[in-house]
């Protein structure tokens, strides 16, 4: 059984505003789907990086 993002963050001592939980849960679910079943994948190929750019969604 996988934990929800809220449970994971709570276990790490991170409190999240109730208003942000829906967005975080949707992003967490999306990342879990991207990872898929990694049972037969080399661990080096399984890394996912998340990058937050303050101030917008622009790419330079």
N, C-alpha and C. Protein backbone atom coordinates (compact mmCIF):
# COMPACT_ATOMS: atom_id res chain seq x y z
N UNK A 1 0.85 -1.19 0.00
CA UNK A 1 0.00 0.00 0.00
C UNK A 1 0.89 1.25 0.00
N UNK A 2 0.63 2.15 -0.90
CA UNK A 2 1.44 3.37 -0.96
C UNK A 2 0.77 4.46 -0.11
N UNK A 3 1.60 5.31 0.43
CA UNK A 3 1.11 6.40 1.26
C UNK A 3 0.70 7.58 0.39
N UNK A 4 -0.25 8.36 0.90
CA UNK A 4 -0.61 9.59 0.20
C UNK A 4 0.48 10.62 0.45
N UNK A 5 0.48 11.65 -0.37
CA UNK A 5 1.48 12.71 -0.20
C UNK A 5 1.32 13.38 1.16
N UNK A 6 0.08 13.50 1.63
CA UNK A 6 -0.17 14.11 2.93
C UNK A 6 0.47 13.27 4.05
N UNK A 7 0.32 11.95 3.96
CA UNK A 7 0.92 11.07 4.97
C UNK A 7 2.44 11.12 4.91
N UNK A 8 2.99 11.12 3.70
CA UNK A 8 4.44 11.19 3.56
C UNK A 8 5.01 12.48 4.15
N UNK A 9 4.37 13.59 3.85
CA UNK A 9 4.85 14.87 4.36
C UNK A 9 4.68 14.95 5.88
N UNK A 10 3.57 14.45 6.38
CA UNK A 10 3.33 14.45 7.83
C UNK A 10 4.39 13.62 8.55
N UNK A 11 4.75 12.47 7.96
CA UNK A 11 5.78 11.62 8.55
C UNK A 11 7.14 12.32 8.60
N UNK A 12 7.34 13.29 7.72
CA UNK A 12 8.60 14.04 7.69
C UNK A 12 8.51 15.33 8.52
N UNK A 13 7.37 15.54 9.16
CA UNK A 13 7.20 16.73 9.99
C UNK A 13 6.87 17.98 9.21
N UNK A 14 6.39 17.82 7.98
CA UNK A 14 6.06 18.96 7.12
C UNK A 14 4.55 19.15 7.12
N UNK A 15 4.12 20.33 7.54
CA UNK A 15 2.69 20.64 7.55
C UNK A 15 2.33 21.40 6.28
N UNK A 16 1.22 21.00 5.68
CA UNK A 16 0.78 21.60 4.42
C UNK A 16 -0.60 22.20 4.63
N UNK A 17 -0.80 23.37 4.04
CA UNK A 17 -2.12 24.00 4.12
C UNK A 17 -3.14 23.13 3.41
N UNK A 18 -4.32 23.08 3.96
CA UNK A 18 -5.41 22.28 3.40
C UNK A 18 -5.69 22.66 1.94
N UNK A 19 -5.56 23.95 1.63
CA UNK A 19 -5.84 24.43 0.27
C UNK A 19 -4.85 23.87 -0.75
N UNK A 20 -3.66 23.47 -0.33
CA UNK A 20 -2.63 22.97 -1.24
C UNK A 20 -2.67 21.46 -1.44
N UNK A 21 -3.43 20.76 -0.61
CA UNK A 21 -3.41 19.31 -0.65
C UNK A 21 -3.89 18.73 -1.97
N UNK A 22 -4.94 19.30 -2.57
CA UNK A 22 -5.44 18.78 -3.84
C UNK A 22 -4.39 18.85 -4.94
N UNK A 23 -3.69 19.99 -5.01
CA UNK A 23 -2.66 20.16 -6.02
C UNK A 23 -1.50 19.20 -5.78
N UNK A 24 -1.06 19.11 -4.54
CA UNK A 24 0.04 18.20 -4.21
C UNK A 24 -0.33 16.74 -4.46
N UNK A 25 -1.55 16.36 -4.13
CA UNK A 25 -1.99 14.98 -4.34
C UNK A 25 -2.03 14.66 -5.84
N UNK A 26 -2.51 15.62 -6.65
CA UNK A 26 -2.56 15.40 -8.10
C UNK A 26 -1.14 15.25 -8.67
N UNK A 27 -0.22 16.07 -8.23
CA UNK A 27 1.16 15.98 -8.71
C UNK A 27 1.81 14.68 -8.25
N UNK A 28 1.55 14.28 -7.00
CA UNK A 28 2.11 13.04 -6.47
C UNK A 28 1.58 11.83 -7.25
N UNK A 29 0.28 11.83 -7.52
CA UNK A 29 -0.32 10.74 -8.30
C UNK A 29 0.29 10.69 -9.69
N UNK A 30 0.52 11.86 -10.30
CA UNK A 30 1.14 11.92 -11.62
C UNK A 30 2.56 11.37 -11.61
N UNK A 31 3.33 11.71 -10.58
CA UNK A 31 4.71 11.20 -10.49
C UNK A 31 4.72 9.69 -10.27
N UNK A 32 3.78 9.20 -9.45
CA UNK A 32 3.70 7.77 -9.22
C UNK A 32 3.38 7.04 -10.53
N UNK A 33 2.49 7.63 -11.33
CA UNK A 33 2.13 7.02 -12.61
C UNK A 33 3.33 7.02 -13.56
N UNK A 34 4.11 8.09 -13.56
CA UNK A 34 5.29 8.16 -14.41
C UNK A 34 6.32 7.10 -14.03
N UNK A 35 6.44 6.85 -12.74
CA UNK A 35 7.39 5.84 -12.28
C UNK A 35 6.92 4.45 -12.68
N UNK A 36 5.60 4.23 -12.69
CA UNK A 36 5.05 2.95 -13.11
C UNK A 36 5.64 1.78 -12.34
N UNK A 37 5.79 0.68 -13.00
CA UNK A 37 6.35 -0.51 -12.39
C UNK A 37 7.83 -0.57 -12.73
N UNK A 38 8.65 -0.34 -11.74
CA UNK A 38 10.09 -0.27 -11.96
C UNK A 38 10.81 -1.55 -11.52
N UNK A 39 10.06 -2.62 -11.40
CA UNK A 39 10.61 -3.87 -10.90
C UNK A 39 11.81 -4.35 -11.72
N UNK A 40 11.77 -4.19 -13.04
CA UNK A 40 12.83 -4.70 -13.90
C UNK A 40 13.67 -3.60 -14.54
N UNK A 41 13.62 -2.40 -13.96
CA UNK A 41 14.33 -1.26 -14.51
C UNK A 41 15.58 -1.01 -13.67
N UNK A 42 16.66 -0.65 -14.34
CA UNK A 42 17.87 -0.27 -13.61
C UNK A 42 17.57 0.95 -12.76
N UNK A 43 18.04 0.97 -11.53
CA UNK A 43 17.73 2.07 -10.62
C UNK A 43 18.19 3.42 -11.17
N UNK A 44 19.28 3.46 -11.93
CA UNK A 44 19.74 4.72 -12.50
C UNK A 44 18.75 5.29 -13.51
N UNK A 45 17.92 4.43 -14.09
CA UNK A 45 16.92 4.87 -15.06
C UNK A 45 15.61 5.26 -14.38
N UNK A 46 15.52 5.11 -13.06
CA UNK A 46 14.26 5.29 -12.36
C UNK A 46 14.15 6.64 -11.64
N UNK A 47 15.17 7.47 -11.71
CA UNK A 47 15.14 8.74 -11.01
C UNK A 47 14.18 9.73 -11.66
N UNK A 48 13.47 10.47 -10.83
CA UNK A 48 12.59 11.54 -11.29
C UNK A 48 13.04 12.81 -10.57
N UNK A 49 13.23 13.86 -11.30
CA UNK A 49 13.61 15.13 -10.70
C UNK A 49 12.47 16.13 -10.81
N UNK A 50 12.25 16.88 -9.76
CA UNK A 50 11.22 17.91 -9.75
C UNK A 50 11.93 19.23 -9.54
N UNK A 51 11.60 20.17 -10.37
CA UNK A 51 12.24 21.48 -10.29
C UNK A 51 11.17 22.54 -10.17
N UNK A 52 11.27 23.37 -9.15
CA UNK A 52 10.33 24.47 -8.95
C UNK A 52 11.04 25.76 -9.30
N UNK A 53 10.45 26.52 -10.23
CA UNK A 53 11.02 27.79 -10.63
C UNK A 53 10.14 28.89 -10.06
N UNK A 54 10.59 29.57 -9.00
CA UNK A 54 9.78 30.64 -8.41
C UNK A 54 9.47 31.73 -9.42
N UNK A 55 8.25 32.19 -9.42
CA UNK A 55 7.88 33.31 -10.27
C UNK A 55 7.23 32.93 -11.57
N UNK A 56 7.03 31.65 -11.86
CA UNK A 56 6.33 31.31 -13.09
C UNK A 56 6.78 30.01 -13.70
N UNK A 57 6.17 29.71 -14.81
CA UNK A 57 6.44 28.46 -15.52
C UNK A 57 7.31 28.68 -16.74
N UNK A 58 8.09 29.72 -16.77
CA UNK A 58 8.93 30.03 -17.94
C UNK A 58 10.17 29.16 -17.95
N UNK A 59 10.66 28.94 -19.13
CA UNK A 59 11.91 28.18 -19.31
C UNK A 59 12.84 29.07 -20.11
N UNK A 60 14.06 29.18 -19.64
CA UNK A 60 15.04 30.02 -20.34
C UNK A 60 15.87 29.19 -21.27
